Amino acid sequence: MLLAIDVGNTNIVFAICDGNTIKWRWRISTDGQRTADEYAVWLHQLMQLEGVERAHIDAAIIATVVPQTLFNLQRLCRKYFHVEALIVAVGEIDFGITIDLPNPAEVGADRIVNAIAAHAAHAGNVIVVDFGTATTFDVVAADGAYKGGVIAPGINLSMDALYQAAAKLPRIAVEPPAEHLGVIGKGTVHAMQSGVFWGYVGLIEGLVARITSEVSNSPGGPVTVIATGGLATLFSRHTSAIDSVDGDLTIRGLIRLHTLNANNEKKNTE
C-alpha cells in the first residue's frame, strides 16, 4: 500500500491508499520542528487503531510546500517503513502534464498535484479552487498543460487579520448570516459575517469569471470548476461558480503521480 503525505502550511494529511482507493487518512498540524520519531509514534498509534501494520506500506510519496518538514518526513519513511519516498519536485519526476510557465519551479507542489488529478478526472479546461491557508485558483488546459493561476489570502487569514487589527471586532466563525437577515448587517457580527462570507463568494465568482473569460479564447471546450480544501463544501452551496467538490483531490493526484513514476521505473528496468 502507498503512504501519501500532503504537507500544507497549516496541516499535514497522511493517507494510506490501496491502488486507487484511499483507505485511511489522518491530519496533524504542520510543524517544521517535528521529528521523524514524533511522526512515527503518532502515526503508528492511529494505524494500530485501524489494524494496519507498518509492513503493509511498500511505497510513499511526499508533496510539501513547507521545505523544513521534508527531511524528517523522508526519515520517517526510511526508518519506520523502509521505503524511499518519491518527492514531488519539478524536474525530478514525470508529472504527466506540462508546466507552461517561464519558471515551473515556482509552482507549489500541491498546486501541481491538484492539476494532475483534475486533468485526469475531467475532460476540457479545468479550474481548481483550493481553500487552504491561501485560496488558490489553478488552470489546466484541455491538453494537460498547467497554465498558471491566482493566489489570494485564505479566508481564515483574512479573518485573523481583521480580528487582530481592529480592537473592537470579535472573532467569528466562517458562515453566512442567517438567511432572513440578508446581506446588509444589522449589527457588528452580522456585518462581519456578510463581509467575510459574501465577500469571499464575490471573490470566487469574480475570479472564476475572469479566468473563464481568458480560457474561453483557447481550445478545449467548456471550463469545469472543481473545489477542494476544508471550506469547499460550504462555499459550493452558495455559488453556482463551482461545478463539483472533491475533498480528496490532492491525495488522488499523489496516487496518480506515484503510479505514473512507478510504471516508468518498471519500464526502464525491463
C-alpha atoms as a PDB file:
ATOM      1  CA  MET A   1       0.000   0.000   0.000  1.00  0.00           C
ATOM      2  CA  LEU A   2       1.014   3.602  -0.600  1.00  0.00           C
ATOM      3  CA  LEU A   3       1.598   6.185   2.123  1.00  0.00           C
ATOM      4  CA  ALA A   4       0.720   9.567   0.579  1.00  0.00           C
ATOM      5  CA  ILE A   5       1.794  12.651   2.534  1.00  0.00           C
ATOM      6  CA  ASP A   6       0.437  16.096   1.649  1.00  0.00           C
ATOM      7  CA  VAL A   7       2.115  18.910   3.606  1.00  0.00           C
ATOM      8  CA  GLY A   8       0.267  22.227   3.638  1.00  0.00           C
ATOM      9  CA  ASN A   9       1.099  25.394   5.517  1.00  0.00           C
ATOM     10  CA  THR A  10      -1.491  24.614   8.206  1.00  0.00           C
ATOM     11  CA  ASN A  11      -1.935  20.815   8.232  1.00  0.00           C
ATOM     12  CA  ILE A  12      -0.279  17.622   7.034  1.00  0.00           C
ATOM     13  CA  VAL A  13      -2.510  14.860   5.670  1.00  0.00           C
ATOM     14  CA  PHE A  14      -1.283  11.262   5.832  1.00  0.00           C
ATOM     15  CA  ALA A  15      -3.286   8.861   3.661  1.00  0.00           C
ATOM     16  CA  ILE A  16      -2.885   5.125   3.180  1.00  0.00           C
ATOM     17  CA  CYS A  17      -4.017   4.033  -0.261  1.00  0.00           C
ATOM     18  CA  ASP A  18      -4.640   0.617  -1.753  1.00  0.00           C
ATOM     19  CA  GLY A  19      -4.489   1.032  -5.512  1.00  0.00           C
ATOM     20  CA  ASN A  20      -6.755   3.968  -6.341  1.00  0.00           C
ATOM     21  CA  THR A  21      -8.714   3.581  -3.092  1.00  0.00           C
ATOM     22  CA  ILE A  22      -7.997   5.888  -0.162  1.00  0.00           C
ATOM     23  CA  LYS A  23      -8.390   3.538   2.798  1.00  0.00           C
ATOM     24  CA  TRP A  24      -7.466   5.796   5.712  1.00  0.00           C
ATOM     25  CA  ARG A  25      -6.489   9.425   6.187  1.00  0.00           C
ATOM     26  CA  TRP A  26      -5.302  11.387   9.217  1.00  0.00           C
ATOM     27  CA  ARG A  27      -4.435  15.043   9.776  1.00  0.00           C
ATOM     28  CA  ILE A  28      -1.889  16.739  12.026  1.00  0.00           C
ATOM     29  CA  SER A  29      -0.855  20.391  12.349  1.00  0.00           C
ATOM     30  CA  THR A  30       2.211  21.398  10.361  1.00  0.00           C
ATOM     31  CA  ASP A  31       5.315  21.892  12.484  1.00  0.00           C
ATOM     32  CA  GLY A  32       8.709  22.187  10.827  1.00  0.00           C
ATOM     33  CA  GLN A  33      10.425  21.127  14.078  1.00  0.00           C
ATOM     34  CA  ARG A  34       8.562  17.821  14.491  1.00  0.00           C
ATOM     35  CA  THR A  35      10.956  14.854  14.306  1.00  0.00           C
ATOM     36  CA  ALA A  36      10.608  11.594  12.401  1.00  0.00           C
ATOM     37  CA  ASP A  37      10.231   9.762  15.716  1.00  0.00           C
ATOM     38  CA  GLU A  38       7.351  12.024  16.763  1.00  0.00           C
ATOM     39  CA  TYR A  39       5.579  11.443  13.456  1.00  0.00           C
ATOM     40  CA  ALA A  40       6.128   7.698  13.853  1.00  0.00           C
ATOM     41  CA  VAL A  41       4.647   7.470  17.364  1.00  0.00           C
ATOM     42  CA  TRP A  42       1.548   9.453  16.354  1.00  0.00           C
ATOM     43  CA  LEU A  43       1.019   7.649  13.056  1.00  0.00           C
ATOM     44  CA  HIS A  44       1.685   4.174  14.447  1.00  0.00           C
ATOM     45  CA  GLN A  45      -0.979   4.619  17.122  1.00  0.00           C
ATOM     46  CA  LEU A  46      -3.573   5.616  14.520  1.00  0.00           C
ATOM     47  CA  MET A  47      -2.602   2.719  12.259  1.00  0.00           C
ATOM     48  CA  GLN A  48      -2.950   0.294  15.156  1.00  0.00           C
ATOM     49  CA  LEU A  49      -6.488   1.541  15.800  1.00  0.00           C
ATOM     50  CA  GLU A  50      -7.366   0.613  12.206  1.00  0.00           C
ATOM     51  CA  GLY A  51      -5.467  -2.680  12.238  1.00  0.00           C
ATOM     52  CA  VAL A  52      -2.876  -1.545   9.697  1.00  0.00           C
ATOM     53  CA  GLU A  53       0.638  -2.974  10.024  1.00  0.00           C
ATOM     54  CA  ARG A  54       3.711  -0.972   9.078  1.00  0.00           C
ATOM     55  CA  ALA A  55       4.758  -3.858   6.831  1.00  0.00           C
ATOM     56  CA  HIS A  56       1.694  -3.190   4.671  1.00  0.00           C
ATOM     57  CA  ILE A  57       3.310   0.052   3.447  1.00  0.00           C
ATOM     58  CA  ASP A  58       5.573  -0.633   0.474  1.00  0.00           C
ATOM     59  CA  ALA A  59       5.755   2.840  -1.115  1.00  0.00           C
ATOM     60  CA  ALA A  60       5.494   6.501  -0.179  1.00  0.00           C
ATOM     61  CA  ILE A  61       5.137   9.884  -1.858  1.00  0.00           C
ATOM     62  CA  ILE A  62       5.530  13.365  -0.340  1.00  0.00           C
ATOM     63  CA  ALA A  63       4.297  16.736  -1.601  1.00  0.00           C
ATOM     64  CA  THR A  64       5.249  19.645   0.626  1.00  0.00           C
ATOM     65  CA  VAL A  65       5.035  23.427   0.478  1.00  0.00           C
ATOM     66  CA  VAL A  66       6.955  23.667   3.766  1.00  0.00           C
ATOM     67  CA  PRO A  67      10.575  22.716   2.931  1.00  0.00           C
ATOM     68  CA  GLN A  68      11.719  22.332   6.548  1.00  0.00           C
ATOM     69  CA  THR A  69       9.365  19.346   7.008  1.00  0.00           C
ATOM     70  CA  LEU A  70      10.885  17.308   4.183  1.00  0.00           C
ATOM     71  CA  PHE A  71      13.971  15.870   5.901  1.00  0.00           C
ATOM     72  CA  ASN A  72      12.091  14.361   8.832  1.00  0.00           C
ATOM     73  CA  LEU A  73       9.267  13.025   6.650  1.00  0.00           C
ATOM     74  CA  GLN A  74      11.821  11.306   4.409  1.00  0.00           C
ATOM     75  CA  ARG A  75      13.478   9.916   7.525  1.00  0.00           C
ATOM     76  CA  LEU A  76      10.083   8.683   8.761  1.00  0.00           C
ATOM     77  CA  CYS A  77       9.603   6.725   5.536  1.00  0.00           C
ATOM     78  CA  ARG A  78      13.121   5.255   5.577  1.00  0.00           C
ATOM     79  CA  LYS A  79      13.413   4.412   9.268  1.00  0.00           C
ATOM     80  CA  TYR A  80       9.929   3.185  10.076  1.00  0.00           C
ATOM     81  CA  PHE A  81       8.509   1.991   6.743  1.00  0.00           C
ATOM     82  CA  HIS A  82      11.759   1.021   4.978  1.00  0.00           C
ATOM     83  CA  VAL A  83      10.805   2.796   1.767  1.00  0.00           C
ATOM     84  CA  GLU A  84      12.329   5.679  -0.167  1.00  0.00           C
ATOM     85  CA  ALA A  85       9.638   8.300  -0.674  1.00  0.00           C
ATOM     86  CA  LEU A  86       9.020   9.820  -4.090  1.00  0.00           C
ATOM     87  CA  ILE A  87       9.294  13.607  -3.731  1.00  0.00           C
ATOM     88  CA  VAL A  88       7.074  15.884  -5.825  1.00  0.00           C
ATOM     89  CA  ALA A  89       9.596  18.280  -7.355  1.00  0.00           C
ATOM     90  CA  VAL A  90       9.791  19.998 -10.724  1.00  0.00           C
ATOM     91  CA  GLY A  91      12.477  18.474 -12.926  1.00  0.00           C
ATOM     92  CA  GLU A  92      12.904  15.442 -10.670  1.00  0.00           C
ATOM     93  CA  ILE A  93       9.936  13.265 -11.651  1.00  0.00           C
ATOM     94  CA  ASP A  94       7.466  12.815 -14.509  1.00  0.00           C
ATOM     95  CA  PHE A  95       4.258  14.791 -13.925  1.00  0.00           C
ATOM     96  CA  GLY A  96       2.394  13.512 -16.953  1.00  0.00           C
ATOM     97  CA  ILE A  97       1.414  17.116 -17.720  1.00  0.00           C
ATOM     98  CA  THR A  98       3.413  20.114 -18.914  1.00  0.00           C
ATOM     99  CA  ILE A  99       4.051  23.191 -16.771  1.00  0.00           C
ATOM    100  CA  ASP A 100       3.546  26.003 -19.262  1.00  0.00           C
ATOM    101  CA  LEU A 101       5.233  28.749 -17.236  1.00  0.00           C
ATOM    102  CA  PRO A 102       8.504  30.707 -17.528  1.00  0.00           C
ATOM    103  CA  ASN A 103       9.734  29.265 -14.204  1.00  0.00           C
ATOM    104  CA  PRO A 104       7.989  25.946 -13.426  1.00  0.00           C
ATOM    105  CA  ALA A 105       9.919  25.549 -10.156  1.00  0.00           C
ATOM    106  CA  GLU A 106       7.922  28.427  -8.631  1.00  0.00           C
ATOM    107  CA  VAL A 107       4.689  26.401  -8.605  1.00  0.00           C
ATOM    108  CA  GLY A 108       3.786  24.792  -5.278  1.00  0.00           C
ATOM    109  CA  ALA A 109       3.778  21.004  -5.201  1.00  0.00           C
ATOM    110  CA  ASP A 110       0.172  20.930  -4.000  1.00  0.00           C
ATOM    111  CA  ARG A 111      -0.991  23.006  -6.966  1.00  0.00           C
ATOM    112  CA  ILE A 112       0.737  20.709  -9.458  1.00  0.00           C
ATOM    113  CA  VAL A 113      -0.709  17.610  -7.802  1.00  0.00           C
ATOM    114  CA  ASN A 114      -4.218  19.123  -7.861  1.00  0.00           C
ATOM    115  CA  ALA A 115      -3.784  19.924 -11.546  1.00  0.00           C
ATOM    116  CA  ILE A 116      -2.744  16.334 -12.304  1.00  0.00           C
ATOM    117  CA  ALA A 117      -5.805  14.905 -10.540  1.00  0.00           C
ATOM    118  CA  ALA A 118      -8.196  17.424 -12.081  1.00  0.00           C
ATOM    119  CA  HIS A 119      -6.953  16.807 -15.623  1.00  0.00           C
ATOM    120  CA  ALA A 120      -7.293  13.055 -15.146  1.00  0.00           C
ATOM    121  CA  ALA A 121     -10.863  13.334 -13.870  1.00  0.00           C
ATOM    122  CA  HIS A 122     -12.302  15.945 -16.259  1.00  0.00           C
ATOM    123  CA  ALA A 123     -12.107  16.487 -19.999  1.00  0.00           C
ATOM    124  CA  GLY A 124     -11.655  20.011 -21.298  1.00  0.00           C
ATOM    125  CA  ASN A 125     -10.317  23.049 -19.473  1.00  0.00           C
ATOM    126  CA  VAL A 126     -10.355  22.942 -15.681  1.00  0.00           C
ATOM    127  CA  ILE A 127     -10.081  25.492 -12.883  1.00  0.00           C
ATOM    128  CA  VAL A 128      -9.167  24.111  -9.443  1.00  0.00           C
ATOM    129  CA  VAL A 129     -10.128  26.259  -6.448  1.00  0.00           C
ATOM    130  CA  ASP A 130      -8.287  25.104  -3.320  1.00  0.00           C
ATOM    131  CA  PHE A 131      -9.454  26.532   0.021  1.00  0.00           C
ATOM    132  CA  GLY A 132      -6.311  26.231   2.100  1.00  0.00           C
ATOM    133  CA  THR A 133      -4.131  28.651   4.066  1.00  0.00           C
ATOM    134  CA  ALA A 134      -4.216  30.587   0.805  1.00  0.00           C
ATOM    135  CA  THR A 135      -7.106  30.296  -1.639  1.00  0.00           C
ATOM    136  CA  THR A 136      -5.614  29.273  -4.965  1.00  0.00           C
ATOM    137  CA  PHE A 137      -7.103  29.114  -8.443  1.00  0.00           C
ATOM    138  CA  ASP A 138      -5.208  26.886 -10.879  1.00  0.00           C
ATOM    139  CA  VAL A 139      -5.860  26.494 -14.593  1.00  0.00           C
ATOM    140  CA  VAL A 140      -5.294  23.291 -16.561  1.00  0.00           C
ATOM    141  CA  ALA A 141      -5.839  23.324 -20.312  1.00  0.00           C
ATOM    142  CA  ALA A 142      -7.637  20.501 -22.106  1.00  0.00           C
ATOM    143  CA  ASP A 143      -4.315  19.178 -23.431  1.00  0.00           C
ATOM    144  CA  GLY A 144      -2.947  18.818 -19.892  1.00  0.00           C
ATOM    145  CA  ALA A 145      -0.834  21.962 -19.774  1.00  0.00           C
ATOM    146  CA  TYR A 146      -0.746  23.757 -16.432  1.00  0.00           C
ATOM    147  CA  LYS A 147      -1.250  27.403 -17.421  1.00  0.00           C
ATOM    148  CA  GLY A 148      -0.837  29.181 -14.070  1.00  0.00           C
ATOM    149  CA  GLY A 149      -3.323  30.630 -11.644  1.00  0.00           C
ATOM    150  CA  VAL A 150      -4.156  33.059  -8.873  1.00  0.00           C
ATOM    151  CA  ILE A 151      -3.187  33.145  -5.179  1.00  0.00           C
ATOM    152  CA  ALA A 152      -5.455  35.011  -2.750  1.00  0.00           C
ATOM    153  CA  PRO A 153      -5.313  35.194   1.064  1.00  0.00           C
ATOM    154  CA  GLY A 154      -7.210  32.336   2.666  1.00  0.00           C
ATOM    155  CA  ILE A 155     -10.426  33.240   4.419  1.00  0.00           C
ATOM    156  CA  ASN A 156      -9.085  32.314   7.859  1.00  0.00           C
ATOM    157  CA  LEU A 157      -6.032  34.510   7.292  1.00  0.00           C
ATOM    158  CA  SER A 158      -8.317  37.389   6.381  1.00  0.00           C
ATOM    159  CA  MET A 159     -10.475  36.844   9.470  1.00  0.00           C
ATOM    160  CA  ASP A 160      -7.437  36.660  11.766  1.00  0.00           C
ATOM    161  CA  ALA A 161      -6.049  39.881  10.311  1.00  0.00           C
ATOM    162  CA  LEU A 162      -9.390  41.639  10.829  1.00  0.00           C
ATOM    163  CA  TYR A 163      -9.688  40.408  14.412  1.00  0.00           C
ATOM    164  CA  GLN A 164      -6.107  41.320  15.331  1.00  0.00           C
ATOM    165  CA  ALA A 165      -6.066  44.742  13.684  1.00  0.00           C
ATOM    166  CA  ALA A 166      -9.453  46.024  14.881  1.00  0.00           C
ATOM    167  CA  ALA A 167      -9.668  46.179  18.684  1.00  0.00           C
ATOM    168  CA  LYS A 168     -13.466  46.146  18.948  1.00  0.00           C
ATOM    169  CA  LEU A 169     -14.206  43.418  16.395  1.00  0.00           C
ATOM    170  CA  PRO A 170     -14.803  39.892  17.781  1.00  0.00           C
ATOM    171  CA  ARG A 171     -13.539  36.619  16.343  1.00  0.00           C
ATOM    172  CA  ILE A 172     -16.309  34.929  14.328  1.00  0.00           C
ATOM    173  CA  ALA A 173     -16.868  31.597  12.603  1.00  0.00           C
ATOM    174  CA  VAL A 174     -16.850  31.231   8.826  1.00  0.00           C
ATOM    175  CA  GLU A 175     -20.539  31.011   7.977  1.00  0.00           C
ATOM    176  CA  PRO A 176     -23.146  33.039   6.100  1.00  0.00           C
ATOM    177  CA  PRO A 177     -25.558  35.218   8.083  1.00  0.00           C
ATOM    178  CA  ALA A 178     -28.940  33.667   8.795  1.00  0.00           C
ATOM    179  CA  GLU A 179     -30.942  33.723   5.550  1.00  0.00           C
ATOM    180  CA  HIS A 180     -33.682  36.001   6.902  1.00  0.00           C
ATOM    181  CA  LEU A 181     -31.130  38.679   7.798  1.00  0.00           C
ATOM    182  CA  GLY A 182     -29.948  39.344   4.254  1.00  0.00           C
ATOM    183  CA  VAL A 183     -26.588  40.852   3.360  1.00  0.00           C
ATOM    184  CA  ILE A 184     -26.863  44.295   4.977  1.00  0.00           C
ATOM    185  CA  GLY A 185     -25.540  43.939   8.523  1.00  0.00           C
ATOM    186  CA  LYS A 186     -27.828  44.924  11.399  1.00  0.00           C
ATOM    187  CA  GLY A 187     -25.092  44.524  13.982  1.00  0.00           C
ATOM    188  CA  THR A 188     -21.330  44.012  14.215  1.00  0.00           C
ATOM    189  CA  VAL A 189     -21.311  40.214  13.972  1.00  0.00           C
ATOM    190  CA  HIS A 190     -23.891  40.215  11.167  1.00  0.00           C
ATOM    191  CA  ALA A 191     -21.867  42.825   9.258  1.00  0.00           C
ATOM    192  CA  MET A 192     -18.662  40.823   9.701  1.00  0.00           C
ATOM    193  CA  GLN A 193     -20.338  37.595   8.589  1.00  0.00           C
ATOM    194  CA  SER A 194     -21.593  39.317   5.444  1.00  0.00           C
ATOM    195  CA  GLY A 195     -18.246  40.899   4.694  1.00  0.00           C
ATOM    196  CA  VAL A 196     -16.220  37.754   5.258  1.00  0.00           C
ATOM    197  CA  PHE A 197     -18.562  35.172   3.734  1.00  0.00           C
ATOM    198  CA  TRP A 198     -20.290  37.048   0.916  1.00  0.00           C
ATOM    199  CA  GLY A 199     -17.081  38.941   0.225  1.00  0.00           C
ATOM    200  CA  TYR A 200     -15.358  35.621  -0.392  1.00  0.00           C
ATOM    201  CA  VAL A 201     -18.211  34.378  -2.557  1.00  0.00           C
ATOM    202  CA  GLY A 202     -17.740  37.546  -4.595  1.00  0.00           C
ATOM    203  CA  LEU A 203     -14.005  36.863  -4.838  1.00  0.00           C
ATOM    204  CA  ILE A 204     -14.637  33.302  -6.036  1.00  0.00           C
ATOM    205  CA  GLU A 205     -17.258  34.295  -8.587  1.00  0.00           C
ATOM    206  CA  GLY A 206     -15.286  37.285  -9.832  1.00  0.00           C
ATOM    207  CA  LEU A 207     -12.020  35.413 -10.325  1.00  0.00           C
ATOM    208  CA  VAL A 208     -13.696  32.361 -11.873  1.00  0.00           C
ATOM    209  CA  ALA A 209     -15.491  34.653 -14.331  1.00  0.00           C
ATOM    210  CA  ARG A 210     -12.305  36.498 -15.276  1.00  0.00           C
ATOM    211  CA  ILE A 211     -10.271  33.285 -15.629  1.00  0.00           C
ATOM    212  CA  THR A 212     -13.034  31.671 -17.676  1.00  0.00           C
ATOM    213  CA  SER A 213     -13.086  34.699 -19.970  1.00  0.00           C
ATOM    214  CA  GLU A 214      -9.367  34.264 -20.651  1.00  0.00           C
ATOM    215  CA  VAL A 215      -9.531  30.495 -21.011  1.00  0.00           C
ATOM    216  CA  SER A 216     -12.531  30.633 -23.359  1.00  0.00           C
ATOM    217  CA  ASN A 217     -10.268  32.142 -26.007  1.00  0.00           C
ATOM    218  CA  SER A 218      -8.274  28.890 -26.123  1.00  0.00           C
ATOM    219  CA  PRO A 219      -9.406  25.478 -27.436  1.00  0.00           C
ATOM    220  CA  GLY A 220     -10.723  22.756 -25.164  1.00  0.00           C
ATOM    221  CA  GLY A 221     -14.423  23.340 -24.799  1.00  0.00           C
ATOM    222  CA  PRO A 222     -16.207  24.481 -21.637  1.00  0.00           C
ATOM    223  CA  VAL A 223     -14.457  25.177 -18.334  1.00  0.00           C
ATOM    224  CA  THR A 224     -15.126  22.906 -15.337  1.00  0.00           C
ATOM    225  CA  VAL A 225     -14.544  24.366 -11.857  1.00  0.00           C
ATOM    226  CA  ILE A 226     -13.520  21.913  -9.127  1.00  0.00           C
ATOM    227  CA  ALA A 227     -13.219  22.951  -5.479  1.00  0.00           C
ATOM    228  CA  THR A 228     -11.168  21.237  -2.791  1.00  0.00           C
ATOM    229  CA  GLY A 229      -9.973  22.056   0.711  1.00  0.00           C
ATOM    230  CA  GLY A 230     -11.707  22.371   4.051  1.00  0.00           C
ATOM    231  CA  LEU A 231     -14.261  25.064   3.161  1.00  0.00           C
ATOM    232  CA  ALA A 232     -15.049  23.878  -0.366  1.00  0.00           C
ATOM    233  CA  THR A 233     -18.361  22.245   0.520  1.00  0.00           C
ATOM    234  CA  LEU A 234     -19.600  25.266   2.477  1.00  0.00           C
ATOM    235  CA  PHE A 235     -18.911  27.735  -0.337  1.00  0.00           C
ATOM    236  CA  SER A 236     -20.145  25.431  -3.084  1.00  0.00           C
ATOM    237  CA  ARG A 237     -23.620  25.536  -1.505  1.00  0.00           C
ATOM    238  CA  HIS A 238     -23.800  29.291  -2.002  1.00  0.00           C
ATOM    239  CA  THR A 239     -22.455  29.844  -5.509  1.00  0.00           C
ATOM    240  CA  SER A 240     -23.056  28.392  -8.946  1.00  0.00           C
ATOM    241  CA  ALA A 241     -19.451  29.179  -9.912  1.00  0.00           C
ATOM    242  CA  ILE A 242     -18.303  25.809  -8.519  1.00  0.00           C
ATOM    243  CA  ASP A 243     -19.317  22.716 -10.523  1.00  0.00           C
ATOM    244  CA  SER A 244     -18.150  19.997  -8.137  1.00  0.00           C
ATOM    245  CA  VAL A 245     -16.280  19.385  -4.877  1.00  0.00           C
ATOM    246  CA  ASP A 246     -13.535  16.787  -4.368  1.00  0.00           C
ATOM    247  CA  GLY A 247     -12.086  16.825  -0.871  1.00  0.00           C
ATOM    248  CA  ASP A 248      -9.555  14.142  -1.798  1.00  0.00           C
ATOM    249  CA  LEU A 249      -8.286  15.781  -4.984  1.00  0.00           C
ATOM    250  CA  THR A 250      -4.705  16.229  -3.737  1.00  0.00           C
ATOM    251  CA  ILE A 251      -4.414  12.652  -2.484  1.00  0.00           C
ATOM    252  CA  ARG A 252      -5.854  11.360  -5.788  1.00  0.00           C
ATOM    253  CA  GLY A 253      -3.189  13.360  -7.588  1.00  0.00           C
ATOM    254  CA  LEU A 254      -0.463  11.846  -5.409  1.00  0.00           C
ATOM    255  CA  ILE A 255      -1.734   8.338  -6.147  1.00  0.00           C
ATOM    256  CA  ARG A 256      -1.743   9.038  -9.885  1.00  0.00           C
ATOM    257  CA  LEU A 257       1.702  10.620  -9.766  1.00  0.00           C
ATOM    258  CA  HIS A 258       3.186   7.691  -7.868  1.00  0.00           C
ATOM    259  CA  THR A 259       1.629   5.164 -10.261  1.00  0.00           C
ATOM    260  CA  LEU A 260       2.969   7.042 -13.301  1.00  0.00           C
ATOM    261  CA  ASN A 261       6.517   7.172 -11.983  1.00  0.00           C
ATOM    262  CA  ALA A 262       6.472   3.593 -10.675  1.00  0.00           C
ATOM    263  CA  ASN A 263       5.402   2.394 -14.132  1.00  0.00           C
ATOM    264  CA  ASN A 264       8.148   4.473 -15.761  1.00  0.00           C
ATOM    265  CA  GLU A 265      10.734   2.979 -13.421  1.00  0.00           C
ATOM    266  CA  LYS A 266       9.495  -0.521 -14.174  1.00  0.00           C
ATOM    267  CA  LYS A 267       9.791   0.085 -17.934  1.00  0.00           C
ATOM    268  CA  ASN A 268      13.321   1.437 -17.517  1.00  0.00           C
ATOM    269  CA  THR A 269      14.457  -1.689 -15.662  1.00  0.00           C
ATOM    270  CA  GLU A 270      12.947  -4.166 -18.119  1.00  0.00           C
END
